[in-house]
Amino acid sequence: MNHDLIDGVPVLWADAPGPLEATLIFACGARDETLRTLGVTHLIEHLAMSTLPRLHHDHNASVDLSLTQFTCSGRPEQVADFLTRVCTALGDLPLGRVDQEAGVLAAEDGRVADPQTAELLSHRYGAQGPGLAAYRGPGPDRIPLEAVRETVTRYFHRTNATLVLTGPPPAGLRLPLPAGTRPDRTATQPVLHHGPSWRQEQVPGPGLALHGDLEDFALALATKVLAERLRETVRHQHGLSYEVDGGVVFTGPGQGERTICLDAREGQEQKVAELLWAETLRLAREGMTEQELAEEVAAAREAWEDPRSIPYELGEAAADALLGESYLDAPTRLAAMAAVTPEQARQALAAALGTALVVVPCEVELDLRQLDGTPLPQQHCPGGVTELPSGGQVFRPPLTERLRYSAARKTKLVVTDTGLHFQEPDGTVHHVAYSEVAAVEMNGPGRVVFGRNTCLVPAIADLFADLGPAVRAIDAAVPAELRYPASAFRPVD
């Protein structure tokens, strides 16, 4: 791996077969946004790409939770031209195209994580940081222009970028990015819910998340063996699932989530969820074999020895440097994996079960046990309250609705000096303190209040009568910069 510096931008490169590939990486993603500005990084990426002329070589750009990447491949002069144009655009975004690119984003409707992983992250972190993966945000047409300016100034500069190349830098390559200060990445991401628990969400199948050190090779191997066992059991033996995906999500210095997500044949979601948990417990109790570990090490070795892995390795090194992580090269990782014993892997998985989060589709009901035989608790609402407060203004559905429907008689909104409480017909109470409001959607004459704890309070005319005092109280308590009109691209829901 070779190191260069071009116009203040670190460059990592290594020779690889095929045309020259380039990836310009910035340490900025959805986790750096807020619920109010969610989507701003994707909008910046689109604005920059919109300045390019028609190109006849492969090129693209993407945004995930932690990184924004501009990629291309082709002849050296094509690569150099692409990179220079992108850097120039980031220094002078065409803000006059915000409306058009917002429409393109609405048509794309992209997400930064699959549904199960997104809900697991929201379950762990709330409506902040990595947990924002589960949210759609205000809509691309409601992102403040000031947020675009602030984000591009804070993150899209040469001190927060790295270029990786599968060959020497092209002659005359220029990377005219503005100067800036690298963001501080040393803070630990606040955790809303440590686990263990399970939760129902609108997902297509079950998912499991384990929190821990991303350099814990014993846990890494244990989750790989678990995914393979599930593939054999759920797919090949029972024919209930097609896809078993294992993933890793960086969430902070040295920390992250290891996830396993499965799809399920229609009507078999509960069975797949039960098999997921049963296989996880079995592996944590009984462990795995030397052969299973050896298979995973062999698979990693084969992948890392393939010349096609060079762009991946370069990208890993660049991302680690940008996010403040320590990069371990492939031989070091292989040696660490090969040194793990079955008992070490078993113990790592058993310990990680203390952080286990399970998400299942809404219609699935589970009765799961932990390693010690106690029930795995179900999390219903993270708001921290189980009943409505005794004081405050109470709002109810219209009288005609209460007379006709028992559900309407049980639905209530209580507004106090410190926050909002919303009681659903089943008795579940959601609470959002004004100090914990992440965003407020102005839904016609009403308001939808989103809390950082993932609770949502719908103070809307479709549910409650005579809402004027409630709306005035919300607007007085919540800063104006957190409020936005409902997106024109999305139907009111």
Protein backbone atom coordinates (compact mmCIF):
# COMPACT_ATOMS: atom_id res chain seq x y z
CA MET A 1 0.00 0.00 0.00
CA ASN A 2 1.52 3.30 -1.16
CA HIS A 3 0.92 6.72 0.39
CA ASP A 4 0.89 10.12 -1.35
CA LEU A 5 -0.45 13.58 -0.65
CA ILE A 6 -2.10 15.60 -3.42
CA ASP A 7 -3.37 19.12 -2.69
CA GLY A 8 -3.48 18.22 0.99
CA VAL A 9 -5.58 15.07 0.40
CA PRO A 10 -4.07 11.74 1.56
CA VAL A 11 -3.88 9.20 -1.27
CA LEU A 12 -3.64 5.43 -0.77
CA TRP A 13 -2.91 3.27 -3.78
CA ALA A 14 -1.85 -0.21 -4.80
CA ASP A 15 -1.57 -1.88 -8.17
CA ALA A 16 -4.55 -4.05 -9.09
CA PRO A 17 -5.66 -5.71 -12.34
CA GLY A 18 -8.17 -4.01 -14.59
CA PRO A 19 -8.84 -0.34 -15.35
CA LEU A 20 -7.87 2.32 -12.83
CA GLU A 21 -10.48 2.59 -10.05
CA ALA A 22 -10.78 5.61 -7.78
CA THR A 23 -12.84 6.31 -4.66
CA LEU A 24 -12.83 9.73 -3.02
CA ILE A 25 -14.04 9.15 0.54
CA PHE A 26 -15.34 11.68 3.08
CA ALA A 27 -16.02 10.85 6.72
CA CYS A 28 -19.61 12.04 6.67
CA GLY A 29 -22.84 10.05 6.61
CA ALA A 30 -26.34 9.85 7.96
CA ARG A 31 -25.10 9.35 11.52
CA ASP A 32 -23.62 12.87 11.39
CA GLU A 33 -27.02 14.41 10.71
CA THR A 34 -30.04 15.09 12.93
CA LEU A 35 -33.61 13.98 12.40
CA ARG A 36 -34.42 17.53 11.31
CA THR A 37 -31.63 17.57 8.68
CA LEU A 38 -31.75 13.89 7.71
CA GLY A 39 -30.87 13.48 4.04
CA VAL A 40 -28.65 16.56 3.79
CA THR A 41 -25.51 14.54 2.99
CA HIS A 42 -27.30 12.65 0.21
CA LEU A 43 -28.52 15.98 -1.17
CA ILE A 44 -24.95 17.34 -1.19
CA GLU A 45 -23.77 14.23 -3.05
CA HIS A 46 -26.50 14.70 -5.68
CA LEU A 47 -25.73 18.41 -6.09
CA ALA A 48 -22.06 17.65 -6.70
CA MET A 49 -22.79 14.86 -9.19
CA SER A 50 -25.31 17.03 -11.04
CA THR A 51 -22.46 19.26 -12.25
CA LEU A 52 -20.82 16.47 -14.26
CA PRO A 53 -21.23 16.35 -18.04
CA ARG A 54 -22.24 13.14 -19.74
CA LEU A 55 -19.46 10.63 -19.04
CA HIS A 56 -18.75 7.43 -20.95
CA HIS A 57 -16.99 5.54 -18.16
CA ASP A 58 -18.27 3.99 -14.94
CA HIS A 59 -18.93 6.50 -12.16
CA ASN A 60 -21.23 6.74 -9.16
CA ALA A 61 -21.58 8.11 -5.64
CA SER A 62 -23.12 6.84 -2.42
CA VAL A 63 -23.89 7.76 1.18
CA ASP A 64 -24.11 5.34 4.09
CA LEU A 65 -24.15 5.80 7.86
CA SER A 66 -20.55 6.96 8.17
CA LEU A 67 -19.11 7.70 4.72
CA THR A 68 -19.80 9.51 1.47
CA GLN A 69 -17.97 8.09 -1.55
CA PHE A 70 -17.48 9.26 -5.13
CA THR A 71 -16.28 6.42 -7.37
CA CYS A 72 -15.20 5.95 -10.97
CA SER A 73 -13.08 3.72 -13.18
CA GLY A 74 -11.53 4.23 -16.59
CA ARG A 75 -8.44 5.57 -18.24
CA PRO A 76 -6.14 7.65 -15.98
CA GLU A 77 -7.11 10.91 -17.68
CA GLN A 78 -10.83 10.11 -17.27
CA VAL A 79 -10.35 9.35 -13.58
CA ALA A 80 -8.35 12.55 -13.06
CA ASP A 81 -11.03 14.66 -14.77
CA PHE A 82 -13.84 13.07 -12.72
CA LEU A 83 -12.08 13.65 -9.41
CA THR A 84 -11.17 17.24 -10.21
CA ARG A 85 -14.74 18.04 -11.26
CA VAL A 86 -16.21 16.53 -8.08
CA CYS A 87 -13.79 18.42 -5.84
CA THR A 88 -14.51 21.67 -7.68
CA ALA A 89 -18.26 21.15 -7.31
CA LEU A 90 -17.99 20.46 -3.58
CA GLY A 91 -16.21 23.79 -3.17
CA ASP A 92 -18.99 25.63 -5.00
CA LEU A 93 -22.24 23.64 -4.89
CA PRO A 94 -24.96 24.57 -7.42
CA LEU A 95 -27.50 25.51 -4.75
CA GLY A 96 -29.87 26.70 -7.44
CA ARG A 97 -30.52 23.03 -8.24
CA VAL A 98 -31.72 22.12 -4.74
CA ASP A 99 -35.38 21.82 -5.79
CA GLN A 100 -34.61 19.59 -8.77
CA GLU A 101 -32.26 17.31 -6.86
CA ALA A 102 -34.75 17.07 -3.99
CA GLY A 103 -37.22 15.67 -6.52
CA VAL A 104 -34.64 13.17 -7.74
CA LEU A 105 -33.99 12.05 -4.15
CA ALA A 106 -37.71 11.56 -3.61
CA ALA A 107 -37.86 9.35 -6.69
CA GLU A 108 -34.79 7.39 -5.57
CA ASP A 109 -36.13 6.88 -2.00
CA GLY A 110 -32.77 5.48 -0.91
CA ARG A 111 -31.97 4.10 2.53
CA VAL A 112 -28.63 3.73 4.32
CA ALA A 113 -29.41 0.30 5.82
CA ASP A 114 -31.73 -2.66 5.32
CA PRO A 115 -34.99 -2.52 7.35
CA GLN A 116 -33.95 -4.95 10.10
CA THR A 117 -30.56 -3.36 10.67
CA ALA A 118 -32.15 0.10 10.65
CA GLU A 119 -34.71 -0.83 13.31
CA LEU A 120 -32.08 -2.57 15.43
CA LEU A 121 -29.96 0.59 15.35
CA SER A 122 -32.96 2.73 16.24
CA HIS A 123 -33.75 0.34 19.11
CA ARG A 124 -30.20 0.73 20.43
CA TYR A 125 -29.49 4.42 19.81
CA GLY A 126 -32.83 6.18 19.41
CA ALA A 127 -33.49 8.90 16.84
CA GLN A 128 -29.88 10.05 16.77
CA GLY A 129 -26.56 8.95 15.32
CA PRO A 130 -26.74 5.43 13.83
CA GLY A 131 -30.37 5.15 14.94
CA LEU A 132 -31.37 7.62 12.22
CA ALA A 133 -31.09 4.76 9.72
CA ALA A 134 -34.69 3.83 10.58
CA TYR A 135 -36.12 7.27 9.74
CA ARG A 136 -37.14 8.97 6.52
CA GLY A 137 -36.62 12.46 7.92
CA PRO A 138 -38.46 15.61 6.89
CA GLY A 139 -38.26 14.82 3.18
CA PRO A 140 -35.69 16.09 0.67
CA ASP A 141 -37.79 19.19 -0.06
CA ARG A 142 -37.73 20.21 3.62
CA ILE A 143 -33.96 20.16 4.21
CA PRO A 144 -32.91 23.72 5.17
CA LEU A 145 -30.52 25.40 2.76
CA GLU A 146 -28.46 26.50 5.74
CA ALA A 147 -27.99 22.85 6.72
CA VAL A 148 -26.57 22.17 3.25
CA ARG A 149 -24.07 25.00 3.63
CA GLU A 150 -23.09 24.01 7.18
CA THR A 151 -22.64 20.33 6.33
CA VAL A 152 -20.55 20.87 3.21
CA THR A 153 -18.34 23.34 5.10
CA ARG A 154 -17.90 21.07 8.10
CA TYR A 155 -17.26 17.77 6.35
CA PHE A 156 -16.43 18.12 2.65
CA HIS A 157 -12.88 19.43 2.74
CA ARG A 158 -9.40 18.04 2.21
CA THR A 159 -8.72 17.34 5.90
CA ASN A 160 -11.73 15.03 6.08
CA ALA A 161 -11.08 13.20 2.79
CA THR A 162 -8.94 10.36 1.47
CA LEU A 163 -8.52 9.16 -2.10
CA VAL A 164 -7.87 5.49 -2.90
CA LEU A 165 -6.61 4.28 -6.28
CA THR A 166 -5.89 0.88 -7.81
CA GLY A 167 -2.78 2.23 -9.47
CA PRO A 168 -0.44 5.23 -9.36
CA PRO A 169 -2.09 8.67 -9.28
CA PRO A 170 -2.71 9.96 -12.80
CA ALA A 171 -0.31 12.57 -14.07
CA GLY A 172 -1.48 16.10 -13.32
CA LEU A 173 -4.23 15.00 -10.92
CA ARG A 174 -5.65 17.92 -8.95
CA LEU A 175 -7.97 17.69 -5.91
CA PRO A 176 -9.07 21.30 -5.34
CA LEU A 177 -10.95 20.84 -2.07
CA PRO A 178 -11.28 23.69 0.42
CA ALA A 179 -9.43 23.71 3.74
CA GLY A 180 -11.14 22.65 6.94
CA THR A 181 -10.82 21.08 10.36
CA ARG A 182 -11.33 17.35 10.80
CA PRO A 183 -14.39 16.65 12.99
CA ASP A 184 -13.75 15.19 16.43
CA ARG A 185 -14.54 11.46 16.30
CA THR A 186 -13.53 10.59 19.87
CA ALA A 187 -16.96 10.92 21.49
CA THR A 188 -18.85 7.74 22.35
CA GLN A 189 -22.29 7.39 20.78
CA PRO A 190 -24.99 7.58 23.49
CA VAL A 191 -26.89 4.31 23.86
CA LEU A 192 -30.62 4.41 24.46
CA HIS A 193 -31.12 0.70 25.18
CA HIS A 194 -28.34 -1.72 26.06
CA GLY A 195 -30.40 -4.92 25.88
CA PRO A 196 -31.18 -7.72 25.97
CA SER A 197 -34.74 -7.55 24.59
CA TRP A 198 -36.95 -8.17 21.58
CA ARG A 199 -39.26 -5.79 19.78
CA GLN A 200 -41.93 -5.80 17.09
CA GLU A 201 -41.42 -3.48 14.12
CA GLN A 202 -42.45 -3.12 10.48
CA VAL A 203 -39.72 -5.35 9.07
CA PRO A 204 -39.84 -8.18 6.51
CA GLY A 205 -38.09 -10.71 8.75
CA PRO A 206 -36.23 -11.13 12.04
CA GLY A 207 -32.87 -9.60 12.88
CA LEU A 208 -30.32 -9.82 15.69
CA ALA A 209 -27.77 -7.21 16.84
CA LEU A 210 -24.87 -7.71 19.24
CA HIS A 211 -22.89 -4.72 20.49
CA GLY A 212 -19.16 -4.94 21.09
CA ASP A 213 -15.58 -4.26 20.11
CA LEU A 214 -15.22 -4.53 16.33
CA GLU A 215 -11.68 -5.88 16.80
CA ASP A 216 -12.92 -8.77 18.94
CA PHE A 217 -12.03 -11.55 16.51
CA ALA A 218 -13.57 -14.21 18.75
CA LEU A 219 -16.98 -12.53 18.49
CA ALA A 220 -16.46 -11.89 14.78
CA LEU A 221 -15.86 -15.60 14.16
CA ALA A 222 -18.74 -16.64 16.39
CA THR A 223 -21.20 -14.52 14.42
CA LYS A 224 -19.86 -15.84 11.12
CA VAL A 225 -20.36 -19.42 12.32
CA LEU A 226 -23.83 -18.48 13.57
CA ALA A 227 -24.77 -17.07 10.17
CA GLU A 228 -23.56 -20.24 8.45
CA ARG A 229 -25.48 -22.47 10.86
CA LEU A 230 -28.62 -20.44 10.25
CA ARG A 231 -28.11 -20.71 6.51
CA GLU A 232 -27.92 -24.48 6.85
CA THR A 233 -30.85 -24.75 9.28
CA VAL A 234 -33.36 -22.12 8.19
CA ARG A 235 -32.71 -22.27 4.46
CA HIS A 236 -31.40 -25.71 3.57
CA GLN A 237 -33.13 -27.89 6.20
CA HIS A 238 -36.44 -26.07 6.67
CA GLY A 239 -36.78 -24.10 3.44
CA LEU A 240 -38.10 -21.05 5.31
CA SER A 241 -35.65 -18.38 4.19
CA TYR A 242 -33.59 -17.42 1.17
CA GLU A 243 -31.19 -14.86 2.56
CA VAL A 244 -29.11 -14.85 5.75
CA ASP A 245 -27.03 -11.67 5.91
CA GLY A 246 -24.33 -10.87 8.44
CA GLY A 247 -23.21 -7.28 8.77
CA VAL A 248 -20.96 -4.94 10.75
CA VAL A 249 -21.92 -1.36 11.61
CA PHE A 250 -19.36 1.09 12.97
CA THR A 251 -21.02 3.26 15.63
CA GLY A 252 -18.14 4.92 17.48
CA PRO A 253 -14.51 4.63 18.52
CA GLY A 254 -13.72 0.91 18.56
CA GLN A 255 -17.38 0.00 18.92
CA GLY A 256 -20.16 -1.22 16.70
CA GLU A 257 -22.90 -3.71 15.98
CA ARG A 258 -22.67 -7.18 14.49
CA THR A 259 -25.98 -8.02 12.87
CA ILE A 260 -27.64 -11.08 11.37
CA CYS A 261 -30.82 -10.51 9.36
CA LEU A 262 -33.04 -13.04 7.63
CA ASP A 263 -35.94 -12.90 5.24
CA ALA A 264 -38.83 -15.32 5.73
CA ARG A 265 -41.38 -17.14 3.65
CA GLU A 266 -44.78 -15.54 4.07
CA GLY A 267 -46.46 -16.83 7.22
CA GLN A 268 -43.23 -18.31 8.59
CA GLU A 269 -41.77 -15.20 10.22
CA GLN A 270 -42.32 -16.49 13.77
CA LYS A 271 -40.69 -19.84 13.05
CA VAL A 272 -37.66 -18.13 11.49
CA ALA A 273 -37.33 -15.81 14.51
CA GLU A 274 -37.50 -18.76 16.91
CA LEU A 275 -34.85 -20.64 14.94
CA LEU A 276 -32.62 -17.56 14.92
CA TRP A 277 -32.72 -17.29 18.70
CA ALA A 278 -32.54 -21.04 19.33
CA GLU A 279 -29.42 -21.39 17.17
CA THR A 280 -27.83 -18.37 18.87
CA LEU A 281 -28.40 -19.89 22.33
CA ARG A 282 -27.18 -23.30 21.19
CA LEU A 283 -23.93 -21.84 19.90
CA ALA A 284 -23.43 -19.81 23.09
CA ARG A 285 -24.01 -22.91 25.26
CA GLU A 286 -22.32 -25.67 23.30
CA GLY A 287 -19.80 -23.75 21.24
CA MET A 288 -18.51 -24.50 17.77
CA THR A 289 -16.01 -26.93 16.34
CA GLU A 290 -12.44 -26.42 15.24
CA GLN A 291 -13.59 -27.27 11.72
CA GLU A 292 -16.21 -24.53 11.72
CA LEU A 293 -13.65 -21.93 12.76
CA ALA A 294 -11.15 -23.24 10.21
CA GLU A 295 -13.77 -22.90 7.46
CA GLU A 296 -14.33 -19.23 8.31
CA VAL A 297 -10.59 -18.51 8.43
CA ALA A 298 -10.15 -20.26 5.06
CA ALA A 299 -12.99 -18.24 3.56
CA ALA A 300 -11.42 -14.99 4.80
CA ARG A 301 -8.00 -16.00 3.48
CA GLU A 302 -9.40 -16.81 0.05
CA ALA A 303 -11.24 -13.49 -0.12
CA TRP A 304 -8.25 -11.43 1.00
CA GLU A 305 -5.81 -13.20 -1.33
CA ASP A 306 -8.02 -12.46 -4.35
CA PRO A 307 -6.56 -9.47 -6.26
CA ARG A 308 -10.08 -8.13 -6.59
CA SER A 309 -10.04 -7.43 -2.84
CA ILE A 310 -7.45 -4.66 -3.27
CA PRO A 311 -10.04 -1.84 -3.64
CA TYR A 312 -11.83 -3.16 -0.55
CA GLU A 313 -8.59 -3.20 1.49
CA LEU A 314 -7.71 0.31 0.37
CA GLY A 315 -11.18 1.49 1.31
CA GLU A 316 -10.94 -0.14 4.75
CA ALA A 317 -7.61 1.54 5.43
CA ALA A 318 -8.97 4.92 4.33
CA ALA A 319 -12.17 4.60 6.36
CA ASP A 320 -10.28 3.57 9.49
CA ALA A 321 -7.97 6.56 9.16
CA LEU A 322 -10.85 8.98 8.60
CA LEU A 323 -12.93 7.61 11.49
CA GLY A 324 -10.03 7.45 13.93
CA GLU A 325 -9.76 3.66 13.94
CA SER A 326 -6.61 1.54 13.78
CA TYR A 327 -6.25 -0.34 10.50
CA LEU A 328 -5.09 -3.96 10.63
CA ASP A 329 -3.88 -5.39 7.35
CA ALA A 330 -5.16 -8.70 6.00
CA PRO A 331 -2.25 -10.88 7.26
CA THR A 332 -2.64 -9.44 10.77
CA ARG A 333 -6.37 -10.07 10.74
CA LEU A 334 -5.90 -13.61 9.47
CA ALA A 335 -3.35 -14.38 12.18
CA ALA A 336 -5.68 -13.02 14.86
CA MET A 337 -8.58 -15.10 13.54
CA ALA A 338 -6.48 -18.26 13.33
CA ALA A 339 -5.47 -17.87 16.97
CA VAL A 340 -9.09 -17.93 18.23
CA THR A 341 -10.13 -21.16 19.96
CA PRO A 342 -13.66 -22.59 19.94
CA GLU A 343 -14.00 -21.86 23.66
CA GLN A 344 -12.94 -18.23 23.20
CA ALA A 345 -15.51 -17.80 20.43
CA ARG A 346 -18.22 -19.42 22.56
CA GLN A 347 -17.43 -17.19 25.54
CA ALA A 348 -17.42 -14.07 23.37
CA LEU A 349 -20.87 -14.90 22.00
CA ALA A 350 -22.25 -15.76 25.44
CA ALA A 351 -21.01 -12.44 26.83
CA ALA A 352 -22.40 -10.50 23.87
CA LEU A 353 -25.87 -11.93 24.49
CA GLY A 354 -26.13 -9.42 27.31
CA THR A 355 -26.42 -6.78 24.58
CA ALA A 356 -28.68 -8.79 22.26
CA LEU A 357 -31.49 -7.00 20.49
CA VAL A 358 -33.99 -8.94 18.40
CA VAL A 359 -36.44 -7.33 16.00
CA VAL A 360 -39.38 -9.20 14.43
CA PRO A 361 -42.35 -8.30 12.21
CA CYS A 362 -45.32 -6.73 13.99
CA GLU A 363 -47.53 -9.82 13.80
CA VAL A 364 -44.96 -12.09 15.43
CA GLU A 365 -45.40 -13.04 19.10
CA LEU A 366 -42.46 -14.68 20.84
CA ASP A 367 -41.71 -16.44 24.11
CA LEU A 368 -37.91 -16.44 24.20
CA ARG A 369 -35.58 -17.40 27.04
CA GLN A 370 -32.09 -16.19 27.87
CA LEU A 371 -29.10 -18.37 28.66
CA ASP A 372 -30.08 -18.48 32.35
CA GLY A 373 -33.66 -19.48 31.52
CA THR A 374 -35.25 -16.14 32.35
CA PRO A 375 -37.59 -14.59 29.75
CA LEU A 376 -36.07 -12.34 27.12
CA PRO A 377 -38.05 -9.13 27.84
CA GLN A 378 -40.13 -7.48 25.15
CA GLN A 379 -39.65 -3.76 24.77
CA HIS A 380 -42.87 -1.92 24.03
CA CYS A 381 -42.11 1.77 24.44
CA PRO A 382 -38.85 3.43 25.41
CA GLY A 383 -40.52 6.55 26.80
CA GLY A 384 -40.05 5.47 30.39
CA VAL A 385 -43.66 5.94 31.57
CA THR A 386 -46.58 3.55 31.90
CA GLU A 387 -49.43 5.94 32.72
CA LEU A 388 -50.61 9.45 32.00
CA PRO A 389 -49.69 12.27 34.39
CA SER A 390 -52.33 13.62 36.76
CA GLY A 391 -51.88 17.24 35.69
CA GLY A 392 -51.80 19.03 32.35
CA GLN A 393 -54.29 19.75 29.59
CA VAL A 394 -56.14 16.67 28.33
CA PHE A 395 -57.24 16.36 24.70
CA ARG A 396 -59.59 13.66 23.43
CA PRO A 397 -61.05 12.59 20.09
CA PRO A 398 -64.32 14.30 19.09
CA LEU A 399 -67.36 13.28 21.16
CA THR A 400 -69.02 11.58 18.19
CA GLU A 401 -65.94 9.36 17.79
CA ARG A 402 -65.88 8.52 21.50
CA LEU A 403 -69.54 7.55 21.42
CA ARG A 404 -69.08 5.24 18.44
CA TYR A 405 -65.67 3.64 19.12
CA SER A 406 -64.19 2.27 22.32
CA ALA A 407 -60.71 2.88 20.91
CA ALA A 408 -61.45 6.60 20.70
CA ARG A 409 -62.55 6.62 24.35
CA LYS A 410 -59.12 5.31 25.38
CA THR A 411 -57.05 7.63 23.19
CA LYS A 412 -55.71 10.72 24.98
CA LEU A 413 -53.17 13.48 24.60
CA VAL A 414 -51.88 15.23 27.73
CA VAL A 415 -49.84 18.43 27.42
CA THR A 416 -47.81 19.56 30.44
CA ASP A 417 -45.25 22.28 31.05
CA THR A 418 -42.42 19.80 30.41
CA GLY A 419 -43.67 17.64 27.56
CA LEU A 420 -46.30 15.49 25.87
CA HIS A 421 -47.98 12.18 26.71
CA PHE A 422 -49.97 10.16 24.19
CA GLN A 423 -52.06 7.14 25.17
CA GLU A 424 -52.93 4.60 22.49
CA PRO A 425 -56.16 2.56 22.60
CA ASP A 426 -54.28 -0.46 24.00
CA GLY A 427 -53.09 1.62 26.96
CA THR A 428 -49.50 2.13 25.80
CA VAL A 429 -48.28 5.58 26.83
CA HIS A 430 -45.67 7.47 24.79
CA HIS A 431 -43.83 10.37 26.36
CA VAL A 432 -41.66 13.03 24.76
CA ALA A 433 -40.13 15.71 26.94
CA TYR A 434 -39.71 19.07 25.23
CA SER A 435 -35.97 18.85 25.94
CA GLU A 436 -35.82 15.54 24.02
CA VAL A 437 -37.69 16.63 20.87
CA ALA A 438 -35.77 15.71 17.72
CA ALA A 439 -38.15 17.24 15.17
CA VAL A 440 -41.73 18.46 14.73
CA GLU A 441 -43.67 17.98 11.52
CA MET A 442 -46.34 20.61 10.93
CA ASN A 443 -49.11 18.39 9.68
CA GLY A 444 -51.81 20.81 8.52
CA PRO A 445 -53.19 22.47 11.65
CA GLY A 446 -51.63 19.79 13.84
CA ARG A 447 -48.16 18.65 14.82
CA VAL A 448 -46.33 15.31 14.85
CA VAL A 449 -43.64 15.34 17.53
CA PHE A 450 -40.63 12.99 17.24
CA GLY A 451 -38.61 12.25 20.37
CA ARG A 452 -34.98 11.17 20.46
CA ASN A 453 -36.22 8.18 22.50
CA THR A 454 -38.09 6.97 19.34
CA CYS A 455 -41.50 7.87 20.77
CA LEU A 456 -43.86 9.75 18.48
CA VAL A 457 -46.77 11.96 19.57
CA PRO A 458 -49.38 12.74 16.89
CA ALA A 459 -51.11 15.95 17.96
CA ILE A 460 -53.24 16.03 14.81
CA ALA A 461 -56.83 16.95 13.99
CA ASP A 462 -57.61 13.46 12.68
CA LEU A 463 -57.24 12.18 16.24
CA PHE A 464 -58.05 15.02 18.62
CA ALA A 465 -60.59 17.83 18.82
CA ASP A 466 -59.89 21.48 19.67
CA LEU A 467 -56.12 21.14 19.34
CA GLY A 468 -55.31 24.85 19.22
CA PRO A 469 -53.93 25.10 22.78
CA ALA A 470 -51.81 21.95 22.31
CA VAL A 471 -50.30 23.25 19.06
CA ARG A 472 -49.54 26.63 20.65
CA ALA A 473 -47.86 24.91 23.60
CA ILE A 474 -45.70 22.77 21.27
CA ASP A 475 -44.68 25.74 19.13
CA ALA A 476 -43.80 27.77 22.21
CA ALA A 477 -41.69 25.01 23.75
CA VAL A 478 -39.87 23.65 20.69
CA PRO A 479 -37.29 25.80 18.84
CA ALA A 480 -38.47 26.97 15.43
CA GLU A 481 -35.49 25.35 13.70
CA LEU A 482 -36.82 21.89 14.66
CA ARG A 483 -40.21 22.47 12.99
CA TYR A 484 -40.93 21.89 9.32
CA PRO A 485 -44.01 21.57 7.07
CA ALA A 486 -44.89 18.07 5.88
CA SER A 487 -43.08 17.07 2.69
CA ALA A 488 -44.91 17.65 -0.57
CA PHE A 489 -43.39 14.40 -1.84
CA ARG A 490 -45.04 12.17 0.76
CA PRO A 491 -48.69 11.51 1.51
CA VAL A 492 -49.77 12.48 5.03
CA ASP A 493 -49.67 9.27 7.11
